[in-house]
Amino acid sequence: MVYTIVVHLLAKEDQESINKLSAKLVEASQVYSKDKETLSWFVMQDTVDKRKFTIVERYLKESVSYIISLVLSSLETGCD
């Protein structure tokens, strides 16, 4: 069985915050996609409301929940 997580994010309204979050998510995707337990790590941005992002993460095991904690922690500290 595959463990799938869907995360919805909403950036602040200013363009700088949107760009910063987008860059962080691209960076995170590149890093976390390389993890041996990760099947896929997709980032999507809404085509109408550019502040809305969705991450779809797919893992081999549920035990990789530590990755989610790391991702959310880095987004909180990196996008203030």
C-alpha atoms as a PDB file:
ATOM      1  CA  MET A   1       0.000   0.000   0.000  1.00  0.00           C
ATOM      2  CA  VAL A   2       1.123   3.565  -0.706  1.00  0.00           C
ATOM      3  CA  TYR A   3       0.916   6.315   1.910  1.00  0.00           C
ATOM      4  CA  THR A   4      -0.352   9.559   0.313  1.00  0.00           C
ATOM      5  CA  ILE A   5      -0.467  13.002   1.894  1.00  0.00           C
ATOM      6  CA  VAL A   6      -2.107  16.072   0.378  1.00  0.00           C
ATOM      7  CA  VAL A   7      -1.158  19.471   1.803  1.00  0.00           C
ATOM      8  CA  HIS A   8      -2.884  22.749   0.889  1.00  0.00           C
ATOM      9  CA  LEU A   9      -1.003  26.002   1.430  1.00  0.00           C
ATOM     10  CA  LEU A  10      -2.096  29.618   1.049  1.00  0.00           C
ATOM     11  CA  ALA A  11       0.597  32.281   0.676  1.00  0.00           C
ATOM     12  CA  LYS A  12       0.196  35.836   1.893  1.00  0.00           C
ATOM     13  CA  GLU A  13      -1.336  38.149  -0.703  1.00  0.00           C
ATOM     14  CA  ASP A  14       1.793  40.054  -1.757  1.00  0.00           C
ATOM     15  CA  GLN A  15       3.760  38.845  -4.779  1.00  0.00           C
ATOM     16  CA  GLU A  16       7.005  38.564  -2.792  1.00  0.00           C
ATOM     17  CA  SER A  17       5.424  36.032  -0.408  1.00  0.00           C
ATOM     18  CA  ILE A  18       3.990  34.041  -3.320  1.00  0.00           C
ATOM     19  CA  ASN A  19       7.384  33.943  -5.033  1.00  0.00           C
ATOM     20  CA  LYS A  20       9.158  32.983  -1.818  1.00  0.00           C
ATOM     21  CA  LEU A  21       6.758  30.118  -1.081  1.00  0.00           C
ATOM     22  CA  SER A  22       6.944  28.908  -4.677  1.00  0.00           C
ATOM     23  CA  ALA A  23      10.755  28.849  -4.549  1.00  0.00           C
ATOM     24  CA  LYS A  24      10.763  26.996  -1.222  1.00  0.00           C
ATOM     25  CA  LEU A  25       8.359  24.388  -2.563  1.00  0.00           C
ATOM     26  CA  VAL A  26      10.449  23.829  -5.694  1.00  0.00           C
ATOM     27  CA  GLU A  27      13.540  23.427  -3.496  1.00  0.00           C
ATOM     28  CA  ALA A  28      11.707  21.041  -1.150  1.00  0.00           C
ATOM     29  CA  SER A  29      10.464  18.977  -4.082  1.00  0.00           C
ATOM     30  CA  GLN A  30      14.002  18.552  -5.399  1.00  0.00           C
ATOM     31  CA  VAL A  31      15.296  17.495  -1.981  1.00  0.00           C
ATOM     32  CA  TYR A  32      12.474  15.223  -0.829  1.00  0.00           C
ATOM     33  CA  SER A  33      12.017  13.529  -4.210  1.00  0.00           C
ATOM     34  CA  LYS A  34      15.481  12.030  -3.739  1.00  0.00           C
ATOM     35  CA  ASP A  35      14.570  10.272  -0.486  1.00  0.00           C
ATOM     36  CA  LYS A  36      14.598   6.500  -0.968  1.00  0.00           C
ATOM     37  CA  GLU A  37      11.157   6.090   0.657  1.00  0.00           C
ATOM     38  CA  THR A  38       9.561   8.781  -1.522  1.00  0.00           C
ATOM     39  CA  LEU A  39       7.618   7.620  -4.562  1.00  0.00           C
ATOM     40  CA  SER A  40       6.658  11.127  -5.673  1.00  0.00           C
ATOM     41  CA  TRP A  41       6.513  14.658  -4.358  1.00  0.00           C
ATOM     42  CA  PHE A  42       4.478  17.025  -6.575  1.00  0.00           C
ATOM     43  CA  VAL A  43       3.902  20.744  -6.156  1.00  0.00           C
ATOM     44  CA  MET A  44       0.978  22.406  -7.901  1.00  0.00           C
ATOM     45  CA  GLN A  45      -0.082  26.053  -8.028  1.00  0.00           C
ATOM     46  CA  ASP A  46      -3.661  27.160  -8.652  1.00  0.00           C
ATOM     47  CA  THR A  47      -4.067  28.760 -12.086  1.00  0.00           C
ATOM     48  CA  VAL A  48      -6.651  31.298 -10.889  1.00  0.00           C
ATOM     49  CA  ASP A  49      -5.484  32.178  -7.354  1.00  0.00           C
ATOM     50  CA  LYS A  50      -1.673  32.169  -7.443  1.00  0.00           C
ATOM     51  CA  ARG A  51      -1.557  32.170  -3.611  1.00  0.00           C
ATOM     52  CA  LYS A  52      -2.899  28.601  -3.460  1.00  0.00           C
ATOM     53  CA  PHE A  53      -0.502  25.660  -3.603  1.00  0.00           C
ATOM     54  CA  THR A  54      -1.037  21.933  -3.204  1.00  0.00           C
ATOM     55  CA  ILE A  55       1.605  19.318  -2.420  1.00  0.00           C
ATOM     56  CA  VAL A  56       0.883  15.654  -3.141  1.00  0.00           C
ATOM     57  CA  GLU A  57       3.355  13.347  -1.440  1.00  0.00           C
ATOM     58  CA  ARG A  58       3.475   9.573  -1.978  1.00  0.00           C
ATOM     59  CA  TYR A  59       5.575   7.280   0.202  1.00  0.00           C
ATOM     60  CA  LEU A  60       6.247   3.583   0.497  1.00  0.00           C
ATOM     61  CA  LYS A  61       5.670   3.552   4.254  1.00  0.00           C
ATOM     62  CA  GLU A  62       3.637   5.520   6.750  1.00  0.00           C
ATOM     63  CA  SER A  63       6.744   5.816   8.924  1.00  0.00           C
ATOM     64  CA  VAL A  64       8.088   8.654   6.757  1.00  0.00           C
ATOM     65  CA  SER A  65       5.892  11.122   8.586  1.00  0.00           C
ATOM     66  CA  TYR A  66       9.104  12.682   9.911  1.00  0.00           C
ATOM     67  CA  ILE A  67       9.619  14.103   6.397  1.00  0.00           C
ATOM     68  CA  ILE A  68       6.335  15.958   6.593  1.00  0.00           C
ATOM     69  CA  SER A  69       7.374  17.495   9.902  1.00  0.00           C
ATOM     70  CA  LEU A  70      10.651  18.655   8.363  1.00  0.00           C
ATOM     71  CA  VAL A  71       8.934  20.157   5.333  1.00  0.00           C
ATOM     72  CA  LEU A  72       6.348  22.047   7.359  1.00  0.00           C
ATOM     73  CA  SER A  73       8.991  23.251   9.789  1.00  0.00           C
ATOM     74  CA  SER A  74      11.211  24.577   6.994  1.00  0.00           C
ATOM     75  CA  LEU A  75       8.273  26.334   5.331  1.00  0.00           C
ATOM     76  CA  GLU A  76       7.239  28.006   8.581  1.00  0.00           C
ATOM     77  CA  THR A  77      10.722  29.275   9.354  1.00  0.00           C
ATOM     78  CA  GLY A  78      11.702  30.104   5.791  1.00  0.00           C
ATOM     79  CA  CYS A  79       8.646  32.047   4.667  1.00  0.00           C
ATOM     80  CA  ASP A  80       7.950  34.566   7.397  1.00  0.00           C
END
